[in-house]
């Protein structure tokens, strides 16, 4: 769900830029978006909301995991280990920095980061 909200926010900001309601500037290598329309504001709010939803889901799953580990069932002798996998990518300008709980997730995040960087650069080249 956080990913869908994030992409909805990006789509709103892209629509605001495409209709001329927002501007994109390139400062050194960092894209800077600015706008004053409702569509741009909606996109910004959705992107912030996606981070909040993601952190809330992560916190709830960690709390659930901690509760399950703290209160073991006496009727179950076998313990099933549930391993959480996670990953992320940070774009610093067009440079992706990927991380993950294991190598496979980190590689997937790196591929997504490279795809996002290519999309960002192509959009900036089309606008500039």
N, C-alpha and C. Protein backbone atom coordinates (compact mmCIF):
# COMPACT_ATOMS: atom_id res chain seq x y z
N UNK A 1 0.80 -1.20 0.00
CA UNK A 1 0.00 0.00 0.00
C UNK A 1 0.86 1.27 0.00
N UNK A 2 1.95 1.34 0.79
CA UNK A 2 2.75 2.56 0.75
C UNK A 2 3.34 2.84 -0.63
N UNK A 3 3.68 1.79 -1.35
CA UNK A 3 4.26 1.98 -2.69
C UNK A 3 3.22 2.58 -3.63
N UNK A 4 1.98 2.10 -3.55
CA UNK A 4 0.91 2.63 -4.40
C UNK A 4 0.64 4.09 -4.09
N UNK A 5 0.62 4.45 -2.80
CA UNK A 5 0.39 5.84 -2.41
C UNK A 5 1.55 6.71 -2.89
N UNK A 6 2.78 6.19 -2.78
CA UNK A 6 3.95 6.95 -3.24
C UNK A 6 3.87 7.22 -4.74
N UNK A 7 3.55 6.18 -5.53
CA UNK A 7 3.47 6.38 -6.97
C UNK A 7 2.29 7.27 -7.36
N UNK A 8 1.21 7.23 -6.58
CA UNK A 8 0.09 8.15 -6.83
C UNK A 8 0.54 9.59 -6.60
N UNK A 9 1.34 9.81 -5.56
CA UNK A 9 1.88 11.14 -5.30
C UNK A 9 2.80 11.60 -6.41
N UNK A 10 3.66 10.68 -6.88
CA UNK A 10 4.56 11.03 -7.99
C UNK A 10 3.76 11.36 -9.25
N UNK A 11 2.68 10.61 -9.48
CA UNK A 11 1.85 10.86 -10.66
C UNK A 11 1.18 12.23 -10.57
N UNK A 12 0.72 12.61 -9.38
CA UNK A 12 0.11 13.93 -9.21
C UNK A 12 1.11 15.05 -9.47
N UNK A 13 2.32 14.89 -8.94
CA UNK A 13 3.35 15.90 -9.16
C UNK A 13 3.74 15.95 -10.64
N UNK A 14 3.86 14.78 -11.28
CA UNK A 14 4.18 14.76 -12.72
C UNK A 14 3.07 15.42 -13.53
N UNK A 15 1.82 15.19 -13.16
CA UNK A 15 0.70 15.83 -13.87
C UNK A 15 0.73 17.33 -13.66
N UNK A 16 1.07 17.77 -12.45
CA UNK A 16 1.16 19.21 -12.18
C UNK A 16 2.28 19.84 -13.00
N UNK A 17 3.39 19.14 -13.14
CA UNK A 17 4.50 19.65 -13.96
C UNK A 17 4.09 19.68 -15.43
N UNK A 18 3.43 18.61 -15.89
CA UNK A 18 3.04 18.52 -17.30
C UNK A 18 2.02 19.60 -17.68
N UNK A 19 1.14 19.98 -16.75
CA UNK A 19 0.14 21.01 -17.06
C UNK A 19 0.63 22.42 -16.79
N UNK A 20 1.85 22.55 -16.30
CA UNK A 20 2.42 23.86 -16.05
C UNK A 20 2.07 24.44 -14.69
N UNK A 21 1.45 23.64 -13.82
CA UNK A 21 1.09 24.11 -12.49
C UNK A 21 2.25 24.02 -11.52
N UNK A 22 3.33 23.34 -11.91
CA UNK A 22 4.51 23.20 -11.07
C UNK A 22 5.75 23.28 -11.96
N UNK A 23 6.87 23.56 -11.33
CA UNK A 23 8.14 23.69 -12.06
C UNK A 23 9.15 22.68 -11.56
N UNK A 24 10.08 22.32 -12.44
CA UNK A 24 11.19 21.46 -12.08
C UNK A 24 12.47 22.21 -12.41
N UNK A 25 13.34 22.32 -11.43
CA UNK A 25 14.64 22.93 -11.62
C UNK A 25 15.70 21.92 -11.23
N UNK A 26 16.87 22.08 -11.80
CA UNK A 26 17.98 21.19 -11.48
C UNK A 26 19.04 22.02 -10.76
N UNK A 27 19.24 21.71 -9.48
CA UNK A 27 20.24 22.41 -8.67
C UNK A 27 21.38 21.42 -8.47
N UNK A 28 22.51 21.73 -9.04
CA UNK A 28 23.68 20.87 -9.11
C UNK A 28 23.23 19.58 -9.82
N UNK A 29 22.96 18.50 -9.09
CA UNK A 29 22.45 17.29 -9.72
C UNK A 29 21.11 16.87 -9.11
N UNK A 30 20.55 17.73 -8.26
CA UNK A 30 19.32 17.39 -7.55
C UNK A 30 18.11 18.08 -8.19
N UNK A 31 17.09 17.30 -8.54
CA UNK A 31 15.88 17.94 -9.08
C UNK A 31 15.09 18.59 -7.94
N UNK A 32 14.61 19.79 -8.17
CA UNK A 32 13.83 20.53 -7.18
C UNK A 32 12.48 20.83 -7.81
N UNK A 33 11.42 20.36 -7.18
CA UNK A 33 10.06 20.58 -7.65
C UNK A 33 9.42 21.69 -6.83
N UNK A 34 8.74 22.60 -7.49
CA UNK A 34 8.03 23.65 -6.77
C UNK A 34 6.72 23.93 -7.50
N UNK A 35 5.70 24.20 -6.72
CA UNK A 35 4.40 24.48 -7.31
C UNK A 35 3.46 25.03 -6.27
N UNK A 36 2.36 25.57 -6.75
CA UNK A 36 1.39 26.17 -5.82
C UNK A 36 -0.03 25.69 -6.11
N UNK A 37 -0.17 24.65 -6.90
CA UNK A 37 -1.52 24.17 -7.23
C UNK A 37 -1.97 23.10 -6.24
N UNK A 38 -3.24 22.84 -6.25
CA UNK A 38 -3.79 21.79 -5.40
C UNK A 38 -3.28 20.41 -5.78
N UNK A 39 -3.07 20.18 -7.08
CA UNK A 39 -2.57 18.89 -7.55
C UNK A 39 -1.15 18.64 -7.05
N UNK A 40 -0.33 19.68 -7.06
CA UNK A 40 1.04 19.55 -6.54
C UNK A 40 1.01 19.28 -5.03
N UNK A 41 0.14 19.99 -4.32
CA UNK A 41 0.01 19.78 -2.88
C UNK A 41 -0.47 18.36 -2.59
N UNK A 42 -1.44 17.87 -3.36
CA UNK A 42 -1.93 16.50 -3.17
C UNK A 42 -0.80 15.49 -3.37
N UNK A 43 0.01 15.69 -4.41
CA UNK A 43 1.13 14.79 -4.66
C UNK A 43 2.12 14.79 -3.52
N UNK A 44 2.44 15.96 -2.99
CA UNK A 44 3.37 16.06 -1.88
C UNK A 44 2.82 15.38 -0.63
N UNK A 45 1.54 15.60 -0.36
CA UNK A 45 0.90 14.98 0.81
C UNK A 45 0.88 13.46 0.66
N UNK A 46 0.59 12.95 -0.55
CA UNK A 46 0.56 11.51 -0.76
C UNK A 46 1.93 10.88 -0.57
N UNK A 47 2.98 11.55 -1.03
CA UNK A 47 4.33 11.02 -0.86
C UNK A 47 4.70 10.97 0.62
N UNK A 48 4.40 12.02 1.37
CA UNK A 48 4.68 12.01 2.81
C UNK A 48 3.85 10.95 3.50
N UNK A 49 2.58 10.81 3.10
CA UNK A 49 1.69 9.80 3.67
C UNK A 49 2.21 8.39 3.41
N UNK A 50 2.80 8.17 2.23
CA UNK A 50 3.33 6.84 1.92
C UNK A 50 4.45 6.46 2.87
N UNK A 51 5.31 7.42 3.23
CA UNK A 51 6.37 7.14 4.20
C UNK A 51 5.78 6.83 5.57
N UNK A 52 4.79 7.60 5.99
CA UNK A 52 4.17 7.37 7.29
C UNK A 52 3.49 6.01 7.35
N UNK A 53 2.78 5.62 6.29
CA UNK A 53 2.12 4.31 6.24
C UNK A 53 3.17 3.20 6.28
N UNK A 54 4.24 3.36 5.52
CA UNK A 54 5.30 2.35 5.50
C UNK A 54 5.94 2.16 6.87
N UNK A 55 6.24 3.28 7.55
CA UNK A 55 6.83 3.18 8.88
C UNK A 55 5.85 2.56 9.87
N UNK A 56 4.56 2.90 9.75
CA UNK A 56 3.55 2.34 10.65
C UNK A 56 3.42 0.83 10.44
N UNK A 57 3.41 0.39 9.20
CA UNK A 57 3.32 -1.05 8.91
C UNK A 57 4.55 -1.78 9.45
N UNK A 58 5.72 -1.19 9.26
CA UNK A 58 6.94 -1.80 9.76
C UNK A 58 6.93 -1.87 11.29
N UNK A 59 6.49 -0.81 11.95
CA UNK A 59 6.45 -0.80 13.41
C UNK A 59 5.44 -1.82 13.93
N UNK A 60 4.27 -1.92 13.27
CA UNK A 60 3.26 -2.88 13.72
C UNK A 60 3.76 -4.31 13.54
N UNK A 61 4.43 -4.59 12.44
CA UNK A 61 4.92 -5.95 12.22
C UNK A 61 6.04 -6.29 13.19
N UNK A 62 6.88 -5.32 13.52
CA UNK A 62 7.93 -5.57 14.51
C UNK A 62 7.34 -5.79 15.89
N UNK A 63 6.31 -5.02 16.24
CA UNK A 63 5.66 -5.19 17.55
C UNK A 63 4.97 -6.54 17.63
N UNK A 64 4.34 -6.96 16.51
CA UNK A 64 3.68 -8.28 16.48
C UNK A 64 4.71 -9.39 16.62
N UNK A 65 5.83 -9.25 15.96
CA UNK A 65 6.89 -10.24 16.04
C UNK A 65 7.44 -10.32 17.47
N UNK A 66 7.64 -9.17 18.10
CA UNK A 66 8.15 -9.14 19.47
C UNK A 66 7.14 -9.76 20.44
N UNK A 67 5.85 -9.51 20.22
CA UNK A 67 4.81 -10.09 21.07
C UNK A 67 4.77 -11.60 20.91
N UNK A 68 4.88 -12.08 19.70
CA UNK A 68 4.86 -13.52 19.46
C UNK A 68 6.08 -14.21 20.06
N UNK A 69 7.21 -13.54 20.06
CA UNK A 69 8.41 -14.13 20.64
C UNK A 69 8.37 -14.08 22.17
N UNK A 70 7.73 -13.04 22.73
CA UNK A 70 7.68 -12.90 24.18
C UNK A 70 6.68 -13.85 24.82
N UNK A 71 5.64 -14.22 24.10
CA UNK A 71 4.60 -15.09 24.64
C UNK A 71 4.55 -16.41 23.87
N UNK A 72 5.50 -17.30 24.11
CA UNK A 72 5.48 -18.56 23.37
C UNK A 72 4.31 -19.44 23.83
N UNK A 73 3.76 -20.16 22.90
CA UNK A 73 2.65 -21.07 23.20
C UNK A 73 3.19 -22.33 23.85
N UNK A 74 2.56 -22.76 24.95
CA UNK A 74 3.01 -23.97 25.64
C UNK A 74 2.58 -25.22 24.90
N UNK A 75 1.54 -25.10 24.06
CA UNK A 75 1.07 -26.28 23.34
C UNK A 75 1.92 -26.59 22.12
N UNK A 76 2.70 -25.62 21.68
CA UNK A 76 3.54 -25.84 20.50
C UNK A 76 4.98 -26.05 20.95
N UNK A 77 5.50 -27.22 20.66
CA UNK A 77 6.89 -27.52 21.01
C UNK A 77 7.83 -27.07 19.90
N UNK A 78 7.33 -27.10 18.66
CA UNK A 78 8.14 -26.68 17.53
C UNK A 78 8.03 -25.17 17.38
N UNK A 79 9.15 -24.54 17.18
CA UNK A 79 9.12 -23.10 16.94
C UNK A 79 9.38 -22.86 15.45
N UNK A 80 8.55 -22.05 14.88
CA UNK A 80 8.69 -21.69 13.49
C UNK A 80 9.28 -20.29 13.45
N UNK A 81 10.42 -20.19 12.84
CA UNK A 81 11.08 -18.89 12.75
C UNK A 81 10.56 -18.16 11.53
N UNK A 82 10.03 -16.99 11.75
CA UNK A 82 9.51 -16.16 10.67
C UNK A 82 10.50 -15.03 10.42
N UNK A 83 11.19 -15.11 9.30
CA UNK A 83 12.21 -14.12 9.00
C UNK A 83 11.61 -13.02 8.14
N UNK A 84 11.76 -11.81 8.62
CA UNK A 84 11.29 -10.66 7.85
C UNK A 84 12.39 -10.21 6.90
N UNK A 85 11.99 -9.94 5.68
CA UNK A 85 12.94 -9.42 4.70
C UNK A 85 12.52 -8.02 4.33
N UNK A 86 13.49 -7.15 4.17
CA UNK A 86 13.20 -5.77 3.86
C UNK A 86 14.31 -5.20 2.99
N UNK A 87 14.01 -4.09 2.36
CA UNK A 87 15.00 -3.42 1.54
C UNK A 87 14.51 -2.04 1.18
N UNK A 88 15.40 -1.27 0.63
CA UNK A 88 15.04 0.09 0.23
C UNK A 88 16.09 0.66 -0.69
N UNK A 89 15.75 1.79 -1.26
CA UNK A 89 16.68 2.48 -2.14
C UNK A 89 16.55 3.98 -1.86
N UNK A 90 17.69 4.65 -1.82
CA UNK A 90 17.73 6.09 -1.62
C UNK A 90 18.37 6.68 -2.88
N UNK A 91 17.66 7.64 -3.49
CA UNK A 91 18.23 8.32 -4.65
C UNK A 91 18.83 9.64 -4.20
N UNK A 92 20.12 9.77 -4.37
CA UNK A 92 20.80 11.04 -4.12
C UNK A 92 21.12 11.60 -5.49
N UNK A 93 20.24 12.51 -5.93
CA UNK A 93 20.30 12.95 -7.31
C UNK A 93 19.97 11.74 -8.17
N UNK A 94 20.78 11.45 -9.16
CA UNK A 94 20.51 10.27 -9.98
C UNK A 94 21.25 9.01 -9.50
N UNK A 95 21.92 9.09 -8.35
CA UNK A 95 22.71 7.97 -7.86
C UNK A 95 21.90 7.13 -6.86
N UNK A 96 21.62 5.86 -7.19
CA UNK A 96 20.86 5.03 -6.25
C UNK A 96 21.78 4.36 -5.23
N UNK A 97 21.32 4.35 -3.98
CA UNK A 97 22.00 3.62 -2.91
C UNK A 97 21.00 2.60 -2.40
N UNK A 98 21.31 1.31 -2.58
CA UNK A 98 20.38 0.25 -2.23
C UNK A 98 20.83 -0.46 -0.97
N UNK A 99 19.87 -0.97 -0.21
CA UNK A 99 20.17 -1.77 0.98
C UNK A 99 19.07 -2.80 1.14
N UNK A 100 19.38 -3.85 1.88
CA UNK A 100 18.39 -4.89 2.13
C UNK A 100 18.86 -5.85 3.19
N UNK A 101 17.92 -6.66 3.66
CA UNK A 101 18.24 -7.61 4.72
C UNK A 101 19.05 -8.80 4.20
N UNK A 102 18.99 -9.05 2.90
CA UNK A 102 19.84 -10.07 2.31
C UNK A 102 20.26 -9.61 0.91
N UNK A 103 21.16 -10.35 0.32
CA UNK A 103 21.74 -9.96 -0.97
C UNK A 103 20.68 -9.86 -2.07
N UNK A 104 19.75 -10.81 -2.10
CA UNK A 104 18.73 -10.83 -3.16
C UNK A 104 17.86 -9.57 -3.12
N UNK A 105 17.42 -9.18 -1.94
CA UNK A 105 16.60 -7.98 -1.80
C UNK A 105 17.40 -6.74 -2.18
N UNK A 106 18.67 -6.68 -1.77
CA UNK A 106 19.51 -5.53 -2.09
C UNK A 106 19.70 -5.38 -3.60
N UNK A 107 19.87 -6.50 -4.30
CA UNK A 107 20.01 -6.45 -5.76
C UNK A 107 18.71 -5.98 -6.41
N UNK A 108 17.58 -6.47 -5.92
CA UNK A 108 16.28 -6.03 -6.46
C UNK A 108 16.12 -4.52 -6.25
N UNK A 109 16.48 -4.03 -5.07
CA UNK A 109 16.38 -2.60 -4.78
C UNK A 109 17.33 -1.78 -5.67
N UNK A 110 18.51 -2.32 -5.94
CA UNK A 110 19.45 -1.63 -6.81
C UNK A 110 18.90 -1.52 -8.23
N UNK A 111 18.30 -2.60 -8.73
CA UNK A 111 17.70 -2.57 -10.07
C UNK A 111 16.56 -1.55 -10.11
N UNK A 112 15.72 -1.52 -9.08
CA UNK A 112 14.64 -0.53 -9.02
C UNK A 112 15.20 0.89 -8.95
N UNK A 113 16.27 1.07 -8.19
CA UNK A 113 16.90 2.39 -8.09
C UNK A 113 17.47 2.86 -9.41
N UNK A 114 18.10 1.96 -10.14
CA UNK A 114 18.65 2.32 -11.45
C UNK A 114 17.53 2.67 -12.41
N UNK A 115 16.43 1.91 -12.37
CA UNK A 115 15.28 2.21 -13.24
C UNK A 115 14.68 3.56 -12.90
N UNK A 116 14.58 3.87 -11.60
CA UNK A 116 14.04 5.17 -11.20
C UNK A 116 14.98 6.30 -11.61
N UNK A 117 16.29 6.09 -11.51
CA UNK A 117 17.25 7.11 -11.91
C UNK A 117 17.17 7.37 -13.42
N UNK A 118 17.04 6.31 -14.20
CA UNK A 118 16.90 6.46 -15.65
C UNK A 118 15.62 7.22 -15.99
N UNK A 119 14.52 6.87 -15.30
CA UNK A 119 13.26 7.57 -15.54
C UNK A 119 13.38 9.05 -15.16
N UNK A 120 14.03 9.33 -14.04
CA UNK A 120 14.21 10.71 -13.60
C UNK A 120 15.04 11.51 -14.61
N UNK A 121 16.14 10.94 -15.05
CA UNK A 121 17.00 11.63 -16.01
C UNK A 121 16.28 11.85 -17.33
N UNK A 122 15.52 10.86 -17.80
CA UNK A 122 14.80 11.04 -19.06
C UNK A 122 13.72 12.09 -18.94
N UNK A 123 13.03 12.16 -17.82
CA UNK A 123 12.01 13.21 -17.62
C UNK A 123 12.67 14.59 -17.59
N UNK A 124 13.79 14.68 -16.89
CA UNK A 124 14.48 15.98 -16.82
C UNK A 124 15.02 16.39 -18.19
N UNK A 125 15.48 15.45 -18.98
CA UNK A 125 15.96 15.78 -20.33
C UNK A 125 14.80 16.22 -21.24
N UNK A 126 13.65 15.59 -21.08
CA UNK A 126 12.49 15.97 -21.90
C UNK A 126 11.98 17.36 -21.52
N UNK A 127 12.04 17.71 -20.23
CA UNK A 127 11.56 19.00 -19.78
C UNK A 127 12.56 20.12 -20.04
N UNK A 128 13.83 19.76 -20.04
CA UNK A 128 14.87 20.78 -20.15
C UNK A 128 15.21 21.03 -21.55
